Amino acid sequence: SGLRKKLSYNEQREFEHLPGRSGELEAEQENLNKAAAHPEFYKEPAEVIKQVLARLDQVHGELLELYKAWDDLDSRSK
């Protein structure tokens, strides 16, 4: 597998920023999960509940994409 292409400059920069970005998303996900788990959460207006749950879903998706990109870049950087 000597044909594996090394990371470009932009890919290398993206790779270096992934840990910070994943940390931000994970912290946001944790805060949203805490909010949704609070006993008073479902007493909030329906729109608030909907927004929090939609953002949780969105953050989860973003994290999956980020981990996939990270894994791809990581395997190519070796």
C-alpha atoms as a PDB file:
ATOM      1  CA  SER A   1       0.000   0.000   0.000  1.00  0.00           C
ATOM      2  CA  GLY A   2       2.782   2.407  -0.897  1.00  0.00           C
ATOM      3  CA  LEU A   3       0.278   4.002  -3.240  1.00  0.00           C
ATOM      4  CA  ARG A   4      -1.538   5.626  -0.335  1.00  0.00           C
ATOM      5  CA  LYS A   5      -1.633   9.365  -0.880  1.00  0.00           C
ATOM      6  CA  LYS A   6      -0.244  11.564   1.870  1.00  0.00           C
ATOM      7  CA  LEU A   7      -2.504  14.252   3.290  1.00  0.00           C
ATOM      8  CA  SER A   8      -2.628  17.559   1.472  1.00  0.00           C
ATOM      9  CA  TYR A   9      -1.897  20.757   3.373  1.00  0.00           C
ATOM     10  CA  ASN A  10      -5.636  21.475   3.762  1.00  0.00           C
ATOM     11  CA  GLU A  11      -6.359  17.919   4.886  1.00  0.00           C
ATOM     12  CA  GLN A  12      -3.531  18.125   7.425  1.00  0.00           C
ATOM     13  CA  ARG A  13      -4.977  21.381   8.799  1.00  0.00           C
ATOM     14  CA  GLU A  14      -8.459  19.831   8.956  1.00  0.00           C
ATOM     15  CA  PHE A  15      -7.002  16.796  10.751  1.00  0.00           C
ATOM     16  CA  GLU A  16      -5.353  19.064  13.335  1.00  0.00           C
ATOM     17  CA  HIS A  17      -8.649  20.857  14.027  1.00  0.00           C
ATOM     18  CA  LEU A  18     -10.783  17.717  14.409  1.00  0.00           C
ATOM     19  CA  PRO A  19      -9.986  17.073  18.093  1.00  0.00           C
ATOM     20  CA  GLY A  20     -11.068  20.599  19.083  1.00  0.00           C
ATOM     21  CA  ARG A  21     -14.208  20.470  16.961  1.00  0.00           C
ATOM     22  CA  SER A  22     -15.185  17.055  18.313  1.00  0.00           C
ATOM     23  CA  GLY A  23     -14.630  18.347  21.854  1.00  0.00           C
ATOM     24  CA  GLU A  24     -16.989  21.287  21.197  1.00  0.00           C
ATOM     25  CA  LEU A  25     -19.671  19.021  19.735  1.00  0.00           C
ATOM     26  CA  GLU A  26     -19.326  16.456  22.524  1.00  0.00           C
ATOM     27  CA  ALA A  27     -19.673  19.203  25.154  1.00  0.00           C
ATOM     28  CA  GLU A  28     -22.755  20.584  23.389  1.00  0.00           C
ATOM     29  CA  GLN A  29     -24.218  17.072  23.143  1.00  0.00           C
ATOM     30  CA  GLU A  30     -23.622  16.520  26.862  1.00  0.00           C
ATOM     31  CA  ASN A  31     -25.330  19.822  27.740  1.00  0.00           C
ATOM     32  CA  LEU A  32     -28.301  19.029  25.499  1.00  0.00           C
ATOM     33  CA  ASN A  33     -28.596  15.532  26.987  1.00  0.00           C
ATOM     34  CA  LYS A  34     -28.550  17.008  30.502  1.00  0.00           C
ATOM     35  CA  ALA A  35     -31.253  19.512  29.538  1.00  0.00           C
ATOM     36  CA  ALA A  36     -33.420  16.801  27.974  1.00  0.00           C
ATOM     37  CA  ALA A  37     -32.960  14.524  31.004  1.00  0.00           C
ATOM     38  CA  HIS A  38     -34.047  17.230  33.467  1.00  0.00           C
ATOM     39  CA  PRO A  39     -37.437  16.446  35.036  1.00  0.00           C
ATOM     40  CA  GLU A  40     -38.744  19.910  34.096  1.00  0.00           C
ATOM     41  CA  PHE A  41     -37.705  19.622  30.431  1.00  0.00           C
ATOM     42  CA  TYR A  42     -41.019  18.311  29.132  1.00  0.00           C
ATOM     43  CA  LYS A  43     -42.830  21.185  30.854  1.00  0.00           C
ATOM     44  CA  GLU A  44     -41.081  23.543  28.425  1.00  0.00           C
ATOM     45  CA  PRO A  45     -43.024  24.877  25.421  1.00  0.00           C
ATOM     46  CA  ALA A  46     -43.301  22.301  22.629  1.00  0.00           C
ATOM     47  CA  GLU A  47     -41.190  24.463  20.305  1.00  0.00           C
ATOM     48  CA  VAL A  48     -38.293  24.510  22.805  1.00  0.00           C
ATOM     49  CA  ILE A  49     -38.463  20.742  23.266  1.00  0.00           C
ATOM     50  CA  LYS A  50     -38.552  20.264  19.501  1.00  0.00           C
ATOM     51  CA  GLN A  51     -35.528  22.557  18.987  1.00  0.00           C
ATOM     52  CA  VAL A  52     -33.445  20.850  21.679  1.00  0.00           C
ATOM     53  CA  LEU A  53     -34.217  17.362  20.388  1.00  0.00           C
ATOM     54  CA  ALA A  54     -33.603  18.428  16.767  1.00  0.00           C
ATOM     55  CA  ARG A  55     -30.244  19.952  17.717  1.00  0.00           C
ATOM     56  CA  LEU A  56     -29.322  16.797  19.632  1.00  0.00           C
ATOM     57  CA  ASP A  57     -30.027  14.776  16.502  1.00  0.00           C
ATOM     58  CA  GLN A  58     -28.035  17.232  14.380  1.00  0.00           C
ATOM     59  CA  VAL A  59     -25.037  17.183  16.757  1.00  0.00           C
ATOM     60  CA  HIS A  60     -25.093  13.374  16.758  1.00  0.00           C
ATOM     61  CA  GLY A  61     -24.995  13.377  12.946  1.00  0.00           C
ATOM     62  CA  GLU A  62     -22.189  15.944  12.849  1.00  0.00           C
ATOM     63  CA  LEU A  63     -20.153  13.859  15.298  1.00  0.00           C
ATOM     64  CA  LEU A  64     -20.609  10.725  13.194  1.00  0.00           C
ATOM     65  CA  GLU A  65     -19.419  12.601  10.083  1.00  0.00           C
ATOM     66  CA  LEU A  66     -16.493  14.098  11.990  1.00  0.00           C
ATOM     67  CA  TYR A  67     -15.396  10.718  13.370  1.00  0.00           C
ATOM     68  CA  LYS A  68     -15.642   9.225   9.888  1.00  0.00           C
ATOM     69  CA  ALA A  69     -13.494  12.016   8.407  1.00  0.00           C
ATOM     70  CA  TRP A  70     -11.050  11.731  11.304  1.00  0.00           C
ATOM     71  CA  ASP A  71     -10.722   7.973  10.801  1.00  0.00           C
ATOM     72  CA  ASP A  72     -10.185   8.445   7.066  1.00  0.00           C
ATOM     73  CA  LEU A  73      -7.576  11.184   7.507  1.00  0.00           C
ATOM     74  CA  ASP A  74      -5.899   9.278  10.336  1.00  0.00           C
ATOM     75  CA  SER A  75      -5.540   6.118   8.265  1.00  0.00           C
ATOM     76  CA  ARG A  76      -4.086   8.144   5.384  1.00  0.00           C
ATOM     77  CA  SER A  77      -1.642  10.075   7.571  1.00  0.00           C
ATOM     78  CA  LYS A  78       0.287   6.966   8.615  1.00  0.00           C
END
